[in-house]
C-alpha atoms as a PDB file:
ATOM      1  CA  HIS A   1     100.903  97.336   6.391  1.00  0.00           C
ATOM      2  CA  LEU A   2      99.961  94.770   8.961  1.00  0.00           C
ATOM      3  CA  VAL A   3      97.859  92.814   6.471  1.00  0.00           C
ATOM      4  CA  ALA A   4     100.671  92.934   3.906  1.00  0.00           C
ATOM      5  CA  VAL A   5     103.238  91.718   6.446  1.00  0.00           C
ATOM      6  CA  GLN A   6     100.992  88.917   7.652  1.00  0.00           C
ATOM      7  CA  GLY A   7     100.178  87.802   4.099  1.00  0.00           C
ATOM      8  CA  LEU A   8     103.772  87.842   2.930  1.00  0.00           C
ATOM      9  CA  SER A   9     104.865  85.979   6.032  1.00  0.00           C
ATOM     10  CA  ARG A  10     102.199  83.282   5.686  1.00  0.00           C
ATOM     11  CA  TYR A  11     103.303  82.579   2.131  1.00  0.00           C
ATOM     12  CA  HIS A  12     106.965  82.356   3.201  1.00  0.00           C
ATOM     13  CA  TYR A  13     108.054  85.751   1.859  1.00  0.00           C
ATOM     14  CA  VAL A  14     109.516  86.577   5.259  1.00  0.00           C
ATOM     15  CA  ALA A  15     112.327  88.795   3.962  1.00  0.00           C
ATOM     16  CA  GLN A  16     109.825  90.935   2.052  1.00  0.00           C
ATOM     17  CA  ALA A  17     107.501  91.055   5.072  1.00  0.00           C
ATOM     18  CA  GLU A  18     110.391  92.119   7.262  1.00  0.00           C
ATOM     19  CA  ASP A  19     111.288  94.877   4.802  1.00  0.00           C
ATOM     20  CA  VAL A  20     107.722  96.247   4.762  1.00  0.00           C
ATOM     21  CA  ALA A  21     107.518  96.142   8.568  1.00  0.00           C
ATOM     22  CA  LYS A  22     110.878  97.851   9.069  1.00  0.00           C
ATOM     23  CA  ARG A  23     110.119 100.583   6.543  1.00  0.00           C
ATOM     24  CA  PHE A  24     106.791 101.383   8.180  1.00  0.00           C
ATOM     25  CA  ILE A  25     108.289 101.433  11.670  1.00  0.00           C
ATOM     26  CA  MET A  26     111.181 103.624  10.528  1.00  0.00           C
ATOM     27  CA  LEU A  27     108.723 106.058   8.900  1.00  0.00           C
ATOM     28  CA  VAL A  28     106.594 106.329  12.048  1.00  0.00           C
ATOM     29  CA  VAL A  29     109.669 106.819  14.253  1.00  0.00           C
ATOM     30  CA  GLN A  30     111.161 109.391  11.852  1.00  0.00           C
ATOM     31  CA  GLU A  31     107.962 111.433  11.829  1.00  0.00           C
ATOM     32  CA  PHE A  32     107.510 111.052  15.610  1.00  0.00           C
ATOM     33  CA  GLU A  33     111.003 112.438  16.165  1.00  0.00           C
ATOM     34  CA  LYS A  34     110.195 115.346  13.835  1.00  0.00           C
ATOM     35  CA  TYR A  35     106.719 116.247  15.186  1.00  0.00           C
ATOM     36  CA  GLY A  36     106.520 114.616  18.616  1.00  0.00           C
ATOM     37  CA  ALA A  37     103.364 112.601  17.869  1.00  0.00           C
ATOM     38  CA  ILE A  38     102.112 109.516  16.061  1.00  0.00           C
ATOM     39  CA  VAL A  39      99.423 110.423  13.545  1.00  0.00           C
ATOM     40  CA  GLU A  40      96.738 108.550  11.631  1.00  0.00           C
ATOM     41  CA  LYS A  41      98.006 108.744   8.061  1.00  0.00           C
ATOM     42  CA  TYR A  42     101.394 108.442   6.384  1.00  0.00           C
ATOM     43  CA  ASP A  43     102.432 108.848   2.768  1.00  0.00           C
ATOM     44  CA  VAL A  44     104.712 105.855   2.276  1.00  0.00           C
ATOM     45  CA  VAL A  45     105.785 107.021  -1.176  1.00  0.00           C
ATOM     46  CA  LYS A  46     106.982 110.437   0.048  1.00  0.00           C
ATOM     47  CA  CYS A  47     107.962 109.046   3.490  1.00  0.00           C
ATOM     48  CA  SER A  48     106.054 111.767   5.297  1.00  0.00           C
ATOM     49  CA  ALA A  49     103.134 112.363   7.641  1.00  0.00           C
ATOM     50  CA  ASN A  50     102.475 115.672   5.916  1.00  0.00           C
ATOM     51  CA  VAL A  51      99.280 114.595   4.139  1.00  0.00           C
ATOM     52  CA  SER A  52      96.622 117.040   5.381  1.00  0.00           C
ATOM     53  CA  ASP A  53      96.371 118.820   2.008  1.00  0.00           C
ATOM     54  CA  GLU A  54      95.741 115.495   0.262  1.00  0.00           C
ATOM     55  CA  ILE A  55      92.943 114.168   2.532  1.00  0.00           C
ATOM     56  CA  LEU A  56      89.743 113.840   0.526  1.00  0.00           C
ATOM     57  CA  PHE A  57      87.554 111.773   2.863  1.00  0.00           C
ATOM     58  CA  GLY A  58      86.974 111.507   6.607  1.00  0.00           C
ATOM     59  CA  TYR A  59      88.878 113.876   8.842  1.00  0.00           C
ATOM     60  CA  SER A  60      90.140 117.105   7.304  1.00  0.00           C
ATOM     61  CA  SER A  61      93.405 116.846   9.232  1.00  0.00           C
ATOM     62  CA  ASN A  62      95.890 114.131  10.078  1.00  0.00           C
ATOM     63  CA  GLU A  63      94.685 113.140  13.562  1.00  0.00           C
ATOM     64  CA  ILE A  64      97.174 112.624  16.385  1.00  0.00           C
ATOM     65  CA  GLY A  65      97.217 109.387  18.348  1.00  0.00           C
ATOM     66  CA  PHE A  66      94.924 107.387  16.117  1.00  0.00           C
ATOM     67  CA  GLY A  67      94.472 103.896  17.594  1.00  0.00           C
ATOM     68  CA  TRP A  68      94.860 101.811  14.431  1.00  0.00           C
ATOM     69  CA  THR A  69      98.254 103.264  13.585  1.00  0.00           C
ATOM     70  CA  ASN A  70      99.469 102.873  17.162  1.00  0.00           C
ATOM     71  CA  GLY A  71      98.273  99.265  17.227  1.00  0.00           C
ATOM     72  CA  VAL A  72      99.861  98.367  13.892  1.00  0.00           C
ATOM     73  CA  PHE A  73     103.136  99.966  14.985  1.00  0.00           C
ATOM     74  CA  LEU A  74     103.210  97.885  18.173  1.00  0.00           C
ATOM     75  CA  GLU A  75     102.117  94.689  16.420  1.00  0.00           C
ATOM     76  CA  LEU A  76     104.858  95.049  13.788  1.00  0.00           C
ATOM     77  CA  LEU A  77     107.471  95.753  16.472  1.00  0.00           C
ATOM     78  CA  PHE A  78     106.383  92.613  18.303  1.00  0.00           C
ATOM     79  CA  TRP A  79     106.413  90.593  15.067  1.00  0.00           C
ATOM     80  CA  LEU A  80     109.946  91.743  14.207  1.00  0.00           C
ATOM     81  CA  GLU A  81     111.229  90.955  17.705  1.00  0.00           C
ATOM     82  CA  ASN A  82     109.906  87.401  17.408  1.00  0.00           C
ATOM     83  CA  LEU A  83     111.240  86.480  13.965  1.00  0.00           C
END
């Protein structure tokens, strides 16, 4: 999501970048309010963090507090605040 937002923004598709950023942030917040944690993986099509049954590689569960997701969430929040 971060790469998509940065790419769209650099090529002057700021409205589209803003939409991607807001949708991701809203998904993370929605799932945090539901489960009380930020997890590693999200299904952006189904708008859910319930992906454990679909994981084929790496961890066999959706790990809580994964650093990349937390970092992207904060970076996108910062980006949106500074538009």
